[in-house]
């Protein structure tokens, strides 16, 4: 599957029950909100690489996850943040930081709904 196709499929099924509520309140106006770890796990399953962890001020510091594959950053949920936000305190994520039962279930649910 191509990255663009995966992104399109996932975006079509983002919902409140697949978002992580500690990352803010999900709304249809900001469908990527709270989906970073869930989506990063799916991207890693398809393309390998590492899951990266950083902080983003929007406006308060929030943890954000994305992927690094073959030296290339892939962040399918970055658009949940304001235009002036930047990533800082970037490091490779440890499993214990994002891989919880809840995140695994939400990732599987999102992937199933997207047909990926």
Protein backbone atom coordinates (compact mmCIF):
# COMPACT_ATOMS: atom_id res chain seq x y z
CA UNK A 1 0.00 0.00 0.00
CA UNK A 2 1.24 3.50 -0.79
CA UNK A 3 1.55 6.03 2.03
CA UNK A 4 -0.91 8.41 0.36
CA UNK A 5 -3.53 5.64 0.12
CA UNK A 6 -3.03 4.67 3.76
CA UNK A 7 -3.38 8.31 4.84
CA UNK A 8 -6.55 8.78 2.79
CA UNK A 9 -8.16 5.64 4.22
CA UNK A 10 -7.28 6.49 7.81
CA UNK A 11 -8.52 10.08 7.49
CA UNK A 12 -11.85 8.86 6.21
CA UNK A 13 -12.58 7.03 9.48
CA UNK A 14 -11.03 9.18 12.24
CA UNK A 15 -13.51 9.36 15.12
CA UNK A 16 -13.75 10.24 18.79
CA UNK A 17 -13.54 6.60 19.87
CA UNK A 18 -10.22 6.05 18.07
CA UNK A 19 -8.60 9.23 19.43
CA UNK A 20 -6.60 9.39 22.64
CA UNK A 21 -8.58 11.76 24.89
CA UNK A 22 -5.53 12.89 26.86
CA UNK A 23 -4.32 14.65 23.70
CA UNK A 24 -7.34 16.97 23.69
CA UNK A 25 -10.95 16.75 22.75
CA UNK A 26 -11.56 15.26 19.30
CA UNK A 27 -13.92 17.13 16.99
CA UNK A 28 -14.95 16.61 13.37
CA UNK A 29 -13.35 20.01 12.66
CA UNK A 30 -9.97 18.60 13.74
CA UNK A 31 -10.20 14.90 12.86
CA UNK A 32 -6.49 14.11 13.35
CA UNK A 33 -6.63 15.35 16.98
CA UNK A 34 -5.52 12.64 19.39
CA UNK A 35 -4.66 10.11 16.67
CA UNK A 36 -0.87 10.47 16.58
CA UNK A 37 0.19 7.33 18.49
CA UNK A 38 -2.61 5.25 17.01
CA UNK A 39 -1.67 6.23 13.45
CA UNK A 40 2.08 5.94 14.08
CA UNK A 41 1.57 2.32 15.09
CA UNK A 42 -0.29 1.60 11.83
CA UNK A 43 2.34 3.38 9.72
CA UNK A 44 5.08 1.38 11.44
CA UNK A 45 3.24 -1.86 10.74
CA UNK A 46 3.17 -1.07 7.01
CA UNK A 47 6.47 0.72 6.48
CA UNK A 48 8.71 -0.19 9.44
CA UNK A 49 11.05 2.39 10.86
CA UNK A 50 10.89 4.04 14.25
CA UNK A 51 8.15 5.82 16.13
CA UNK A 52 9.38 9.21 17.25
CA UNK A 53 8.23 11.17 20.29
CA UNK A 54 8.37 14.93 20.70
CA UNK A 55 6.71 17.84 22.41
CA UNK A 56 4.59 20.47 20.67
CA UNK A 57 3.31 23.71 22.24
CA UNK A 58 -0.28 24.13 21.10
CA UNK A 59 -0.61 26.24 23.26
CA UNK A 60 0.40 24.01 26.18
CA UNK A 61 3.11 21.34 25.74
CA UNK A 62 1.66 18.11 24.44
CA UNK A 63 3.34 14.81 23.54
CA UNK A 64 3.18 13.94 19.85
CA UNK A 65 4.17 10.78 17.97
CA UNK A 66 5.13 10.31 14.32
CA UNK A 67 7.29 8.00 12.21
CA UNK A 68 10.80 8.01 10.82
CA UNK A 69 11.26 5.56 7.95
CA UNK A 70 14.53 5.32 6.04
CA UNK A 71 15.67 8.66 7.44
CA UNK A 72 12.43 10.36 6.30
CA UNK A 73 9.94 11.87 8.76
CA UNK A 74 6.35 10.78 8.17
CA UNK A 75 3.76 12.61 10.23
CA UNK A 76 0.22 11.90 9.05
CA UNK A 77 -1.40 13.72 11.97
CA UNK A 78 0.64 16.95 12.11
CA UNK A 79 -2.29 18.97 10.75
CA UNK A 80 -4.01 18.66 14.15
CA UNK A 81 -1.75 21.51 15.33
CA UNK A 82 -1.73 25.23 14.62
CA UNK A 83 0.43 26.52 11.78
CA UNK A 84 3.05 28.08 14.07
CA UNK A 85 3.79 24.93 16.10
CA UNK A 86 7.18 23.24 16.09
CA UNK A 87 8.47 19.90 17.33
CA UNK A 88 11.08 19.87 20.08
CA UNK A 89 12.64 17.41 22.53
CA UNK A 90 12.59 14.85 19.71
CA UNK A 91 13.65 11.29 20.51
CA UNK A 92 12.90 7.76 19.45
CA UNK A 93 9.88 6.58 21.43
CA UNK A 94 10.12 3.69 23.82
CA UNK A 95 7.34 1.09 23.69
CA UNK A 96 6.23 1.88 27.24
CA UNK A 97 5.55 5.51 26.23
CA UNK A 98 2.79 4.79 23.71
CA UNK A 99 1.95 1.09 23.58
CA UNK A 100 -0.91 0.60 26.03
CA UNK A 101 -3.91 -1.72 25.78
CA UNK A 102 -6.10 1.28 24.93
CA UNK A 103 -3.76 2.47 22.16
CA UNK A 104 -3.50 -1.04 20.69
CA UNK A 105 -7.29 -1.42 20.62
CA UNK A 106 -7.81 2.03 19.09
CA UNK A 107 -5.15 1.35 16.45
CA UNK A 108 -6.73 -1.99 15.53
CA UNK A 109 -10.19 -0.42 15.39
CA UNK A 110 -8.99 2.43 13.16
CA UNK A 111 -7.15 0.03 10.84
CA UNK A 112 -10.17 -2.26 10.59
CA UNK A 113 -12.52 0.62 9.78
CA UNK A 114 -10.10 1.90 7.18
CA UNK A 115 -9.76 -1.55 5.63
CA UNK A 116 -5.99 -1.61 6.07
